[in-house]
Every structure is written in C-alpha cells, then in structure tokens.
Amino acid sequence: MTGWRLHAAAVAPMLAVVIARLLGPEDLDMNDQSKQALYVLDIWQNGNAILPMEKGVILPTKPPLYPWLAALASLPAGQPTEFTCRLPSAVAAVAVAWLIFLLGSERRGPWVGLAAAWIFAAGHTAVKLSIHVRPDMVLTLSVVAALLAFHRIESGRPRGMALLFWLSTSLSILAKGPPGPMIVVGALGLLWFDKARRPVVKGLIRSWHLLWLLLPGVWGGLAYLTGGSEFIRYTILGQTVDRALGTGIRSEKDVQIPGTLILIFAARFLPWSFLALIGAWRGLWRWTPTLQAAELRLMAAWFVPALVMFSLPAGQREDYILPLLAGASLAAATGLDSPEDRANHLVWKWILWLVACAGGALGVALFAGAAGELFEPGAIWGIVLLAGAALVAAGAVMSPKSGSASQLSPGSFGFAYAGVLLLVIGYYVLASRTAQGGRGPELREFVLKVEAERMAGSGIKISFYDVGENAVRFYTRENLPSLSESELTGLLARKEGHPRLLIICYDDGARRLRERFPAHIQVAATSGRWVLLAAVP
C-alpha cells in the first residue's frame, strides 16, 4: 500500500471502533458524561462560555475546552444533541490514530506506523473513551501533537513545531488541567538526560512560544472574575488540583495503594501493555547506543514518567492512562519490528496463547449457558469470543518460533490483532455494563413521554425532585437543580393561572411526594424507575 491507502488503513480500526460505539448502547449518565453535556447546554442556552454550570448552580470541575468544541459541533444541528456532544471525542480518536501512524512511519517505516495506530485503536481504554462526552480523548490528541512536534524538531523539520509543541501543551491544560503538562514535563525531564536530545529540550524551553502557556491563565483570570473565590476553592483546588494529585476528597474516595495505576495500565492495555513495558525497559534502562534503543527511549518518555507520577497519589482512575497509550503503542510496535528481539517475540507469542485460551474458555461458557438459543445475548457474546479467540490463536501459530531471528510477520500480527479488536468491540457492544443495563433506552423512552406532556399544553414548567442524574436534564433541555420539599410546598401553594408544573423524579421520590401531598400530585407518565408527576395547586 502507498499514499492515501496507507493513511486510510491506519485509521480504519479506530473508525470502526467509533462507528460501532456510536451505533451500540451507551449511557450518557455513565462516567460523568452528562455533566459535560450540561456544560454544553449551559453555553448554548445562557452563553456561560467561561464557567458553564451543572444544574444551573454548580461550577465546572474541569476547564472548558471540551464544552467549547461540543458547542461548535452543535451549530449545524441548531442545538446540542447527544451525537454532537460526542463528536469532539470521536473526531479526536481518529485524529490520534492518524498522528500515531505519522510518528511511527516517519521514524521506523509504514509497518510500525500501521501497527502502532492499530494497537492504540484496540486498547480497552481507547475503545471505552472513544465517544465519551469527556475531555480525555481531546487531551490525548494534544499530548500526541506535542510528541509529533518534538519528533520533527529532532528530525530536522523544525518549522512551526515549537509553536505546535507549546500550543498543544497549552490546550492540554484547557482540556483537563494538570495531567497534560505533567506528561510533557515528565517527558522533557527524562529526555534531558539523553545528551543527543538535550539541545532539542533546551531549544523548546528557550522558545518564545512558551508564552502560549499563558492562554490557560487568561481563561483562569476571566473565570475568577466570573466565579470569584468559589472558582478557586471548588474548581482549581477542590477539583482540578485534588484530582491530579489525589488529595483532599480524592484521597478519601477510591483509596488505592501507590502503583495501582500501573496494574490498571497492564490489565486494560492487554496484550500490548507487556510489549510496551518491555520496550520501555530496553530504551530507558539499557542505554545502548543503538537506533532502536534511541527510538524506544523517546516513546517511553511520553508514558513512563507520567505513569509513575499518576500512580503515586490515591484515587486515580483508568481515564488517566488514555493519554499515555500513544507512546505505549509506539513502543510496543517498535519492539515488534526488531529482527534481533527474540525475547520480545517469544513474550508476544505466549501472551497471544493466554488471550486465546481465556477467550475460548469464556466463549464456550457463555455459549453453553445460552439455553440453546442462537441469538440469545449470551450466545452472541460467546460466538464473538470464540471467533476472536480463534483469530488470536491463528496469530500465535504464525508468530516466529522461539529462537527465530525473523521479524514478526504482518500476517501473524494481522490475525492476532483482528481477534483482539473483535473481542474489545464485542465486549462494549454486547456484554459491558452499559450494554446489559439498558438505562439509556429506558431514559430516552421516558423523555419522549415528558415531551408529549410538554407539547400537550402551554405554559408548562418542568422541575426535578430528588434526581441525581444529569442525563434527564440534558435530554429535557432543563439545566436545573432539584427542588427541596420546602420549595415544592411553596410552588404548590401558588395561585391559579401560574404555569402547570411537571416534576421529574424516581419512583421512590414519587411515592414520598404522593404520600405527603395526596391532593396536589398526580402521575402523568412512568417508564422504568422514572416518574413524571403533574402538580395541581
């Protein structure tokens, strides 16, 4: 393959992931996605671009780059939708795969570029977050753009690259706060000890483009003028800094021992994580003057220091490893390309056999437990697992034998890769908690009933009672806090002629309200655990 076909092949797996995830089940209220969606709604309805609010009163937990991008993506639709809010992550995911391909192909050739882009697309965390209404994939794009800039400066193509490096780092701060610059600073700090790369690091630090780091400061100043000391206390200290360092409330929630994130990286990036860690060891701890060691050192710098830093505090989640997967994918692909790296090939082969055996065992168990119905969910998932395990096993059979000095063949890698990609996509589409929970369709069905009630009369006012989830607020276009019982009592005491009040709540809340206000509360609609109440003055 040459030209555009190579580029298309590089992004094809990630494009397949994005399409499958968009068409498959996904709950907007999982992993704080609806919180970001409410920020987009607040920007759209109220123009609060500097400090978009959650439920109309709660300050944001992160800088606003993602809501800005989602609001721009919503312009053609005329309003924010679930799809337009997911679009920045989806586009960023494909762009990350393409940049990884560029990096790998420019440094080691098209085979490494393709392999690295494909490895990233099949990573558990990348598939999970590829369409999430969260800033993680946009942060990853910023980090990879900075790595590309460093690579091109080092390769003698410096024009515009210092600008790209520091602008990308600045945007990473606007995406998620400290994690982006922590990755970049960790990489530069490690590469400072590489004498061949020290001039590049010095040149970047001395560049006037470093002033782009003032851009997040400009936003912070405007945000302080808008939100005052509460912005400093809640957003900067309570959310951004505490989340990055694992201090404050983050140290009390999700407590974990130091190093836990390294284990999460190893488990969630299987089978590629072991190859990446082997590559990092060869590049960082075996400082041999070989071209491969120098390549692996650069890739390792973009994920090892940050992985260590992120693993030290308590409370760090899986999302923090996503921006590290680009460097890890390049390290894994570079190691597989080495003809003399027999140990790496042997590890790869054993990992494939373990994955194939585990997938096959689970597939047989699920298929056997599906009561003989071919299209039962368990049977479908079992078929996917069995097919994926068969492809992985085919790749293991075709891999170089122990003691062979040949490179890993594209055919063996392709079979194994197709199996892993099928397993990961199949899991999220068929067997994940979101796929099995059905919360999204249940909520959308309820919102349709709310819209029918809203359209049936004029002067309708919608409020919420004892509702913690934000997705229903986004779908109904009402970014409001929940009413307290005292506030509801005042609304029920209103005079005739005021707007009709509809109250959205859970079934438990509906039962409590009907017991307390039996003459003023009527059930207008129900769907699952959701209830729409009509309040009568």
Protein backbone atom coordinates (compact mmCIF):
# COMPACT_ATOMS: atom_id res chain seq x y z
CA MET A 1 0.00 0.00 0.00
CA THR A 2 1.13 3.53 -0.72
CA GLY A 3 -0.13 7.07 -0.37
CA TRP A 4 -3.67 7.63 0.81
CA ARG A 5 -4.33 3.89 1.15
CA LEU A 6 -1.79 3.69 3.97
CA HIS A 7 -3.40 6.61 5.79
CA ALA A 8 -6.86 5.10 5.33
CA ALA A 9 -5.67 1.73 6.60
CA ALA A 10 -4.08 3.39 9.62
CA VAL A 11 -7.32 4.99 10.82
CA ALA A 12 -9.68 2.18 9.68
CA PRO A 13 -9.69 0.24 13.00
CA MET A 14 -10.33 3.36 15.08
CA LEU A 15 -13.02 4.45 12.64
CA ALA A 16 -14.64 1.02 13.04
CA VAL A 17 -14.44 1.40 16.82
CA VAL A 18 -16.07 4.84 16.73
CA ILE A 19 -18.89 3.72 14.42
CA ALA A 20 -19.56 0.56 16.45
CA ARG A 21 -19.62 2.55 19.69
CA LEU A 22 -21.92 5.22 18.27
CA LEU A 23 -24.35 2.61 16.95
CA GLY A 24 -24.09 0.43 20.05
CA PRO A 25 -25.54 1.05 23.52
CA GLU A 26 -24.08 3.87 25.57
CA ASP A 27 -25.49 5.60 28.63
CA LEU A 28 -24.92 9.36 28.74
CA ASP A 29 -25.03 9.29 32.54
CA MET A 30 -22.06 6.92 32.87
CA ASN A 31 -18.66 8.35 33.93
CA ASP A 32 -19.82 11.96 34.33
CA GLN A 33 -20.58 12.30 30.62
CA SER A 34 -23.88 14.09 31.23
CA LYS A 35 -22.08 16.67 33.36
CA GLN A 36 -20.04 17.76 30.33
CA ALA A 37 -23.24 17.68 28.23
CA LEU A 38 -24.88 20.07 30.70
CA TYR A 39 -21.91 22.42 30.32
CA VAL A 40 -22.55 22.43 26.57
CA LEU A 41 -26.24 23.12 27.18
CA ASP A 42 -25.42 25.99 29.53
CA ILE A 43 -23.10 27.55 26.94
CA TRP A 44 -25.79 27.17 24.29
CA GLN A 45 -28.76 28.45 26.31
CA ASN A 46 -27.16 31.01 28.62
CA GLY A 47 -23.87 31.95 26.97
CA ASN A 48 -21.83 30.87 30.01
CA ALA A 49 -18.72 30.03 27.98
CA ILE A 50 -16.19 30.97 30.68
CA LEU A 51 -17.75 29.00 33.55
CA PRO A 52 -20.50 26.70 32.27
CA MET A 53 -22.64 25.40 35.11
CA GLU A 54 -24.00 22.00 36.10
CA LYS A 55 -27.67 22.08 37.18
CA GLY A 56 -27.50 25.82 36.77
CA VAL A 57 -25.64 26.37 40.06
CA ILE A 58 -22.58 24.06 40.33
CA LEU A 59 -19.27 25.33 38.99
CA PRO A 60 -17.39 23.18 36.44
CA THR A 61 -14.92 20.54 37.57
CA LYS A 62 -12.63 20.96 34.54
CA PRO A 63 -11.54 23.70 32.12
CA PRO A 64 -14.00 24.31 29.27
CA LEU A 65 -12.17 23.24 26.08
CA TYR A 66 -14.38 20.18 25.55
CA PRO A 67 -17.70 22.06 26.02
CA TRP A 68 -16.43 24.74 23.63
CA LEU A 69 -15.70 22.13 20.95
CA ALA A 70 -19.02 20.37 21.50
CA ALA A 71 -20.91 23.67 21.29
CA LEU A 72 -19.20 24.39 17.95
CA ALA A 73 -20.08 20.89 16.74
CA SER A 74 -23.71 21.59 17.67
CA LEU A 75 -24.01 24.61 15.36
CA PRO A 76 -25.08 22.63 12.24
CA ALA A 77 -27.75 20.79 14.28
CA GLY A 78 -29.15 24.01 15.74
CA GLN A 79 -28.90 22.68 19.29
CA PRO A 80 -26.74 20.34 21.37
CA THR A 81 -27.60 16.67 20.88
CA GLU A 82 -26.08 13.53 22.29
CA PHE A 83 -24.32 12.94 18.96
CA THR A 84 -22.87 16.46 18.67
CA CYS A 85 -21.65 16.26 22.27
CA ARG A 86 -19.84 13.01 21.46
CA LEU A 87 -18.37 14.33 18.21
CA PRO A 88 -15.20 16.01 19.63
CA SER A 89 -14.11 12.72 21.24
CA ALA A 90 -14.93 10.69 18.13
CA VAL A 91 -13.01 13.03 15.81
CA ALA A 92 -10.10 13.29 18.26
CA ALA A 93 -9.89 9.47 18.48
CA VAL A 94 -9.47 9.12 14.71
CA ALA A 95 -7.01 12.04 14.67
CA VAL A 96 -4.90 10.44 17.42
CA ALA A 97 -4.67 7.18 15.44
CA TRP A 98 -3.58 9.15 12.36
CA LEU A 99 -0.90 11.11 14.26
CA ILE A 100 0.43 7.89 15.78
CA PHE A 101 0.69 6.46 12.27
CA LEU A 102 2.61 9.54 11.10
CA LEU A 103 5.02 9.27 14.02
CA GLY A 104 5.66 5.57 13.62
CA SER A 105 6.01 5.67 9.84
CA GLU A 106 8.35 8.69 9.85
CA ARG A 107 10.61 7.16 12.48
CA ARG A 108 10.55 3.44 11.68
CA GLY A 109 8.58 2.93 8.47
CA PRO A 110 4.95 2.30 7.47
CA TRP A 111 4.75 -1.14 9.13
CA VAL A 112 5.50 0.33 12.58
CA GLY A 113 3.18 3.26 11.91
CA LEU A 114 0.29 0.97 10.99
CA ALA A 115 0.94 -1.39 13.89
CA ALA A 116 1.13 1.46 16.42
CA ALA A 117 -2.09 3.11 15.19
CA TRP A 118 -3.87 -0.22 15.25
CA ILE A 119 -2.58 -1.09 18.71
CA PHE A 120 -3.93 2.20 20.07
CA ALA A 121 -7.34 1.55 18.48
CA ALA A 122 -7.60 -1.88 20.14
CA GLY A 123 -6.70 -0.67 23.63
CA HIS A 124 -9.51 -1.24 26.13
CA THR A 125 -9.39 2.32 27.47
CA ALA A 126 -9.24 3.89 24.00
CA VAL A 127 -12.30 1.92 22.87
CA LYS A 128 -14.15 2.82 26.07
CA LEU A 129 -13.47 6.56 25.86
CA SER A 130 -13.58 6.93 22.06
CA ILE A 131 -17.06 8.51 22.12
CA HIS A 132 -17.36 9.60 25.74
CA VAL A 133 -18.54 13.13 26.42
CA ARG A 134 -15.36 13.73 28.38
CA PRO A 135 -12.13 15.65 27.65
CA ASP A 136 -9.80 12.62 27.81
CA MET A 137 -9.51 11.97 24.06
CA VAL A 138 -9.03 15.68 23.31
CA LEU A 139 -6.28 15.71 25.97
CA THR A 140 -4.70 12.68 24.28
CA LEU A 141 -4.74 14.47 20.93
CA SER A 142 -2.92 17.44 22.46
CA VAL A 143 -0.27 15.19 24.03
CA VAL A 144 0.33 13.28 20.77
CA ALA A 145 0.59 16.56 18.84
CA ALA A 146 3.34 17.66 21.26
CA LEU A 147 5.18 14.36 20.71
CA LEU A 148 4.92 14.82 16.93
CA ALA A 149 6.35 18.33 17.27
CA PHE A 150 9.31 17.06 19.32
CA HIS A 151 9.95 14.30 16.80
CA ARG A 152 10.01 16.67 13.83
CA ILE A 153 12.32 19.13 15.56
CA GLU A 154 14.66 16.25 16.31
CA SER A 155 14.39 15.04 12.70
CA GLY A 156 15.46 18.39 11.26
CA ARG A 157 12.00 19.68 10.34
CA PRO A 158 11.57 22.39 13.00
CA ARG A 159 9.44 24.89 11.09
CA GLY A 160 6.34 25.69 13.17
CA MET A 161 7.00 22.79 15.53
CA ALA A 162 7.86 24.85 18.63
CA LEU A 163 4.54 26.62 18.15
CA LEU A 164 2.75 23.27 17.82
CA PHE A 165 4.51 21.88 20.90
CA TRP A 166 3.62 24.68 23.29
CA LEU A 167 0.18 25.38 21.84
CA SER A 168 -0.68 21.69 22.21
CA THR A 169 0.57 21.72 25.79
CA SER A 170 -1.49 24.83 26.49
CA LEU A 171 -4.61 23.22 25.02
CA SER A 172 -3.99 20.11 27.12
CA ILE A 173 -4.33 22.32 30.20
CA LEU A 174 -7.58 23.76 28.91
CA ALA A 175 -8.78 20.21 28.29
CA LYS A 176 -8.18 18.63 31.71
CA GLY A 177 -5.86 20.77 33.80
CA PRO A 178 -2.57 19.38 35.21
CA PRO A 179 -2.38 15.89 33.57
CA GLY A 180 -1.30 17.25 30.16
CA PRO A 181 1.63 19.36 31.35
CA MET A 182 2.63 16.60 33.79
CA ILE A 183 3.07 14.24 30.81
CA VAL A 184 5.04 16.84 28.83
CA VAL A 185 7.24 17.94 31.74
CA GLY A 186 7.92 14.31 32.66
CA ALA A 187 8.99 13.56 29.09
CA LEU A 188 11.23 16.63 28.80
CA GLY A 189 12.76 15.92 32.20
CA LEU A 190 13.65 12.37 31.20
CA LEU A 191 14.96 13.34 27.77
CA TRP A 192 17.21 15.98 29.37
CA PHE A 193 19.46 13.11 30.47
CA ASP A 194 19.78 11.97 26.84
CA LYS A 195 22.74 14.05 25.63
CA ALA A 196 21.72 13.72 21.99
CA ARG A 197 18.27 15.16 22.73
CA ARG A 198 19.25 17.79 25.31
CA PRO A 199 19.68 20.53 22.65
CA VAL A 200 16.10 19.93 21.47
CA VAL A 201 14.81 20.21 25.03
CA LYS A 202 16.82 23.40 25.60
CA GLY A 203 15.55 24.90 22.37
CA LEU A 204 11.93 24.27 23.34
CA ILE A 205 12.38 25.72 26.81
CA ARG A 206 14.02 28.86 25.39
CA SER A 207 11.46 29.34 22.62
CA TRP A 208 9.20 32.38 22.91
CA HIS A 209 6.31 30.08 22.04
CA LEU A 210 6.47 29.02 25.68
CA LEU A 211 4.24 32.10 26.19
CA TRP A 212 1.32 30.06 24.84
CA LEU A 213 1.15 28.61 28.34
CA LEU A 214 -0.37 31.95 29.36
CA LEU A 215 -3.52 31.03 27.44
CA PRO A 216 -4.97 28.88 30.26
CA GLY A 217 -4.03 31.71 32.62
CA VAL A 218 -6.16 34.12 30.59
CA TRP A 219 -9.11 31.76 30.94
CA GLY A 220 -8.37 31.39 34.66
CA GLY A 221 -8.38 35.16 35.14
CA LEU A 222 -11.71 35.54 33.33
CA ALA A 223 -13.10 32.61 35.31
CA TYR A 224 -12.03 34.24 38.57
CA LEU A 225 -13.76 37.47 37.56
CA THR A 226 -16.88 35.43 36.84
CA GLY A 227 -16.88 32.94 39.72
CA GLY A 228 -14.80 34.73 42.36
CA SER A 229 -13.19 32.87 45.23
CA GLU A 230 -15.61 29.97 44.82
CA PHE A 231 -13.98 29.21 41.46
CA ILE A 232 -10.57 29.00 43.18
CA ARG A 233 -11.88 26.89 46.05
CA TYR A 234 -14.06 24.48 44.07
CA THR A 235 -12.72 24.24 40.50
CA ILE A 236 -8.99 24.92 40.91
CA LEU A 237 -8.26 23.47 44.36
CA GLY A 238 -11.17 21.13 45.07
CA GLN A 239 -11.43 19.53 41.63
CA THR A 240 -8.51 20.21 39.27
CA VAL A 241 -5.57 20.06 41.69
CA ASP A 242 -7.06 17.46 44.04
CA ARG A 243 -7.97 15.20 41.12
CA ALA A 244 -4.47 15.41 39.67
CA LEU A 245 -2.67 14.89 43.00
CA GLY A 246 -5.18 12.60 44.68
CA THR A 247 -5.50 14.91 47.69
CA GLY A 248 -8.49 16.32 49.53
CA ILE A 249 -11.72 14.49 48.79
CA ARG A 250 -9.94 12.36 46.18
CA SER A 251 -7.81 10.78 48.93
CA GLU A 252 -10.96 9.70 50.78
CA LYS A 253 -12.74 8.38 47.70
CA ASP A 254 -11.33 5.48 45.64
CA VAL A 255 -8.39 4.90 48.01
CA GLN A 256 -5.62 2.89 46.39
CA ILE A 257 -2.06 1.99 47.21
CA PRO A 258 0.75 3.63 45.19
CA GLY A 259 1.36 1.81 41.95
CA THR A 260 -2.24 0.70 41.38
CA LEU A 261 -2.47 2.64 38.12
CA ILE A 262 0.48 0.67 36.75
CA LEU A 263 -1.52 -2.52 37.32
CA ILE A 264 -4.54 -0.92 35.68
CA PHE A 265 -2.36 0.02 32.70
CA ALA A 266 -1.08 -3.57 32.43
CA ALA A 267 -4.59 -5.06 32.61
CA ARG A 268 -6.53 -2.54 30.50
CA PHE A 269 -3.95 -2.38 27.71
CA LEU A 270 -3.55 -6.14 27.25
CA PRO A 271 -1.93 -7.74 25.31
CA TRP A 272 0.04 -4.69 24.22
CA SER A 273 0.98 -3.42 27.71
CA PHE A 274 3.69 -6.04 28.29
CA LEU A 275 5.26 -5.29 24.92
CA ALA A 276 5.23 -1.57 25.72
CA LEU A 277 6.82 -2.13 29.14
CA ILE A 278 9.50 -4.40 27.62
CA GLY A 279 10.22 -1.69 25.05
CA ALA A 280 10.41 0.96 27.76
CA TRP A 281 12.88 -1.17 29.73
CA ARG A 282 15.07 -1.62 26.67
CA GLY A 283 15.01 2.11 25.92
CA LEU A 284 15.41 3.51 29.43
CA TRP A 285 17.40 1.01 31.46
CA ARG A 286 19.58 -0.37 28.70
CA TRP A 287 21.11 2.83 27.35
CA THR A 288 22.87 1.08 24.49
CA PRO A 289 23.90 3.26 21.52
CA THR A 290 21.55 1.56 19.06
CA LEU A 291 18.92 3.15 16.85
CA GLN A 292 16.17 1.01 18.32
CA ALA A 293 17.11 1.95 21.90
CA ALA A 294 17.03 5.65 20.97
CA GLU A 295 13.59 5.23 19.35
CA LEU A 296 12.21 3.32 22.34
CA ARG A 297 13.62 5.95 24.72
CA LEU A 298 11.64 8.71 23.00
CA MET A 299 8.40 6.71 23.04
CA ALA A 300 8.91 5.61 26.64
CA ALA A 301 9.47 9.21 27.74
CA TRP A 302 5.91 10.01 26.69
CA PHE A 303 4.31 7.46 29.00
CA VAL A 304 6.65 6.04 31.68
CA PRO A 305 7.32 9.20 33.80
CA ALA A 306 3.66 10.21 33.75
CA LEU A 307 2.55 6.66 34.55
CA VAL A 308 4.78 6.72 37.62
CA MET A 309 3.59 10.21 38.66
CA PHE A 310 -0.08 9.32 38.15
CA SER A 311 0.38 6.12 40.16
CA LEU A 312 1.69 7.83 43.29
CA PRO A 313 -1.48 9.63 44.52
CA ALA A 314 -4.66 7.91 45.68
CA GLY A 315 -7.87 7.89 43.70
CA GLN A 316 -6.61 7.99 40.10
CA ARG A 317 -8.93 6.30 37.62
CA GLU A 318 -8.44 4.38 34.39
CA ASP A 319 -9.05 7.54 32.35
CA TYR A 320 -5.58 8.81 33.30
CA ILE A 321 -3.84 6.14 31.25
CA LEU A 322 -5.52 7.13 27.95
CA PRO A 323 -3.08 9.98 27.05
CA LEU A 324 -0.20 7.58 27.80
CA LEU A 325 -1.32 4.97 25.28
CA ALA A 326 0.10 6.76 22.22
CA GLY A 327 3.68 6.48 23.47
CA ALA A 328 2.98 2.95 24.73
CA SER A 329 1.56 1.89 21.35
CA LEU A 330 4.61 3.23 19.53
CA ALA A 331 6.94 1.48 21.97
CA ALA A 332 5.10 -1.83 21.50
CA ALA A 333 5.14 -1.56 17.69
CA THR A 334 8.82 -0.55 17.63
CA GLY A 335 9.75 -3.57 19.74
CA LEU A 336 7.83 -5.96 17.47
CA ASP A 337 9.72 -4.59 14.46
CA SER A 338 13.14 -5.59 15.77
CA PRO A 339 14.62 -8.65 13.97
CA GLU A 340 17.05 -9.37 16.81
CA ASP A 341 14.47 -9.08 19.59
CA ARG A 342 13.75 -12.78 20.02
CA ALA A 343 12.66 -12.45 23.66
CA ASN A 344 10.03 -9.88 22.69
CA HIS A 345 8.59 -12.20 20.05
CA LEU A 346 8.51 -15.09 22.50
CA VAL A 347 6.66 -12.98 25.08
CA TRP A 348 4.24 -11.85 22.37
CA LYS A 349 3.52 -15.45 21.38
CA TRP A 350 2.84 -16.62 24.93
CA ILE A 351 0.59 -13.62 25.59
CA LEU A 352 -1.41 -14.48 22.47
CA TRP A 353 -1.88 -18.08 23.59
CA LEU A 354 -3.06 -16.95 27.03
CA VAL A 355 -5.53 -14.49 25.50
CA ALA A 356 -6.79 -17.14 23.05
CA CYS A 357 -7.28 -19.72 25.80
CA ALA A 358 -9.06 -17.26 28.11
CA GLY A 359 -11.30 -16.00 25.31
CA GLY A 360 -12.11 -19.51 24.16
CA ALA A 361 -12.99 -20.71 27.68
CA LEU A 362 -15.28 -17.74 28.29
CA GLY A 363 -16.84 -18.15 24.86
CA VAL A 364 -17.68 -21.82 25.47
CA ALA A 365 -19.12 -20.99 28.90
CA LEU A 366 -21.34 -18.19 27.60
CA PHE A 367 -22.45 -20.08 24.53
CA ALA A 368 -23.28 -23.19 26.58
CA GLY A 369 -25.29 -21.13 29.05
CA ALA A 370 -27.50 -19.51 26.41
CA ALA A 371 -30.17 -22.26 26.66
CA GLY A 372 -29.61 -23.35 23.09
CA GLU A 373 -30.99 -20.15 21.59
CA LEU A 374 -28.55 -18.97 18.92
CA PHE A 375 -29.47 -15.30 19.23
CA GLU A 376 -29.62 -15.06 23.00
CA PRO A 377 -27.24 -12.32 24.24
CA GLY A 378 -25.03 -14.92 25.90
CA ALA A 379 -24.80 -16.94 22.71
CA ILE A 380 -23.95 -13.92 20.56
CA TRP A 381 -21.27 -12.84 23.00
CA GLY A 382 -19.98 -16.42 23.13
CA ILE A 383 -19.71 -16.54 19.33
CA VAL A 384 -17.81 -13.24 19.32
CA LEU A 385 -15.42 -14.52 21.98
CA LEU A 386 -14.83 -17.80 20.17
CA ALA A 387 -14.22 -16.06 16.83
CA GLY A 388 -11.85 -13.58 18.45
CA ALA A 389 -10.00 -16.34 20.29
CA ALA A 390 -9.62 -18.32 17.04
CA LEU A 391 -8.08 -15.31 15.28
CA VAL A 392 -5.71 -14.63 18.18
CA ALA A 393 -4.65 -18.30 18.18
CA ALA A 394 -4.02 -18.11 14.41
CA GLY A 395 -1.72 -15.16 15.02
CA ALA A 396 0.12 -17.10 17.72
CA VAL A 397 0.64 -20.07 15.39
CA MET A 398 2.03 -17.79 12.66
CA SER A 399 4.34 -15.86 15.02
CA PRO A 400 8.10 -16.53 14.84
CA LYS A 401 9.19 -19.62 16.68
CA SER A 402 11.43 -19.44 19.71
CA GLY A 403 14.99 -18.77 18.57
CA SER A 404 13.95 -17.36 15.21
CA ALA A 405 15.59 -14.10 14.17
CA SER A 406 12.88 -13.09 11.71
CA GLN A 407 10.66 -10.09 12.23
CA LEU A 408 7.07 -10.54 13.29
CA SER A 409 5.18 -11.04 10.03
CA PRO A 410 2.30 -8.70 9.10
CA GLY A 411 0.11 -11.76 8.59
CA SER A 412 0.54 -13.12 12.11
CA PHE A 413 0.11 -9.67 13.61
CA GLY A 414 -2.99 -9.05 11.48
CA PHE A 415 -4.75 -12.25 12.59
CA ALA A 416 -3.99 -11.67 16.25
CA TYR A 417 -4.93 -8.01 16.01
CA ALA A 418 -8.28 -8.73 14.33
CA GLY A 419 -9.12 -11.12 17.16
CA VAL A 420 -8.25 -8.67 19.91
CA LEU A 421 -10.16 -5.85 18.20
CA LEU A 422 -13.21 -8.11 17.81
CA LEU A 423 -13.05 -9.06 21.49
CA VAL A 424 -12.84 -5.47 22.70
CA ILE A 425 -15.54 -4.06 20.39
CA GLY A 426 -17.78 -7.06 21.08
CA TYR A 427 -17.46 -6.54 24.80
CA TYR A 428 -18.62 -2.93 24.68
CA VAL A 429 -21.42 -3.55 22.19
CA LEU A 430 -22.76 -6.77 23.71
CA ALA A 431 -21.52 -7.50 27.21
CA SER A 432 -20.46 -4.32 29.02
CA ARG A 433 -22.36 -2.93 31.98
CA THR A 434 -23.86 -0.25 29.74
CA ALA A 435 -24.90 -2.76 27.08
CA GLN A 436 -26.58 -5.03 29.62
CA GLY A 437 -28.05 -2.29 31.80
CA GLY A 438 -30.43 -0.72 29.31
CA ARG A 439 -30.53 2.55 31.25
CA GLY A 440 -30.12 4.72 28.15
CA PRO A 441 -33.14 3.39 26.18
CA GLU A 442 -35.29 3.46 29.34
CA LEU A 443 -34.43 7.11 29.94
CA ARG A 444 -34.98 8.11 26.31
CA GLU A 445 -38.40 6.45 26.37
CA PHE A 446 -39.29 8.44 29.47
CA VAL A 447 -38.09 11.72 27.91
CA LEU A 448 -40.38 11.11 24.92
CA LYS A 449 -43.31 10.92 27.35
CA VAL A 450 -42.17 14.15 29.00
CA GLU A 451 -42.05 15.85 25.60
CA ALA A 452 -45.55 14.57 24.78
CA GLU A 453 -46.88 16.12 28.01
CA ARG A 454 -45.00 19.32 27.28
CA MET A 455 -46.47 19.60 23.79
CA ALA A 456 -49.99 18.77 25.00
CA GLY A 457 -50.35 22.07 26.86
CA SER A 458 -48.97 25.60 27.06
CA GLY A 459 -47.21 27.27 29.95
CA ILE A 460 -45.53 24.09 31.13
CA LYS A 461 -42.78 24.38 33.75
CA ILE A 462 -40.52 21.37 34.40
CA SER A 463 -38.62 20.78 37.59
CA PHE A 464 -36.87 17.92 39.39
CA TYR A 465 -37.20 16.29 42.78
CA ASP A 466 -34.53 14.06 44.33
CA VAL A 467 -32.88 13.36 40.96
CA GLY A 468 -29.09 12.99 40.97
CA GLU A 469 -28.59 12.02 37.34
CA ASN A 470 -27.91 14.75 34.80
CA ALA A 471 -28.81 12.93 31.57
CA VAL A 472 -32.52 13.55 32.04
CA ARG A 473 -31.78 17.25 32.42
CA PHE A 474 -29.83 17.29 29.18
CA TYR A 475 -32.48 15.39 27.22
CA THR A 476 -35.27 17.66 28.51
CA ARG A 477 -33.15 20.83 27.99
CA GLU A 478 -33.63 21.86 31.64
CA ASN A 479 -30.30 22.53 33.39
CA LEU A 480 -31.90 22.98 36.82
CA PRO A 481 -31.21 21.86 40.42
CA SER A 482 -33.60 19.54 42.24
CA LEU A 483 -36.37 21.11 44.31
CA SER A 484 -36.40 20.65 48.06
CA GLU A 485 -39.70 19.73 49.72
CA SER A 486 -40.00 23.23 51.19
CA GLU A 487 -39.55 24.77 47.73
CA LEU A 488 -42.13 22.37 46.34
CA THR A 489 -44.56 23.29 49.11
CA GLY A 490 -44.27 26.94 48.08
CA LEU A 491 -44.89 26.09 44.42
CA LEU A 492 -47.97 24.03 45.28
CA ALA A 493 -49.34 26.97 47.27
CA ARG A 494 -49.33 29.22 44.21
CA LYS A 495 -52.47 30.84 42.89
CA GLU A 496 -54.38 29.64 39.84
CA GLY A 497 -53.13 30.89 36.49
CA HIS A 498 -49.49 30.06 37.07
CA PRO A 499 -47.74 27.67 34.67
CA ARG A 500 -48.52 23.99 35.05
CA LEU A 501 -45.73 22.25 36.96
CA LEU A 502 -44.36 18.87 35.89
CA ILE A 503 -41.99 17.14 38.31
CA ILE A 504 -39.44 14.55 37.20
CA CYS A 505 -38.35 12.10 39.89
CA TYR A 506 -37.52 8.49 40.67
CA ASP A 507 -40.26 6.08 41.73
CA ASP A 508 -39.22 6.35 45.41
CA GLY A 509 -39.44 10.13 45.26
CA ALA A 510 -42.83 9.95 43.56
CA ARG A 511 -44.14 7.71 46.34
CA ARG A 512 -42.93 10.15 49.04
CA LEU A 513 -44.45 13.16 47.32
CA ARG A 514 -47.80 11.47 46.76
CA GLU A 515 -47.92 10.45 50.41
CA ARG A 516 -47.17 13.99 51.56
CA PHE A 517 -49.29 15.88 49.00
CA PRO A 518 -52.08 13.43 48.07
CA ALA A 519 -54.43 16.15 46.83
CA HIS A 520 -51.84 18.01 44.75
CA ILE A 521 -49.80 15.33 42.97
CA GLN A 522 -50.91 13.18 40.04
CA VAL A 523 -48.94 10.67 37.97
CA ALA A 524 -48.66 11.85 34.37
CA ALA A 525 -46.29 9.19 32.96
CA THR A 526 -43.90 6.43 34.03
CA SER A 527 -41.08 4.48 32.40
CA GLY A 528 -38.98 2.06 34.41
CA ARG A 529 -37.88 3.80 37.60
CA TRP A 530 -38.70 7.24 36.21
CA VAL A 531 -41.95 9.03 37.06
CA LEU A 532 -43.43 12.27 35.70
CA LEU A 533 -45.73 13.95 38.20
CA ALA A 534 -48.22 16.73 37.48
CA ALA A 535 -48.59 19.19 40.37
CA VAL A 536 -52.06 20.65 40.97
CA PRO A 537 -52.22 23.90 43.02
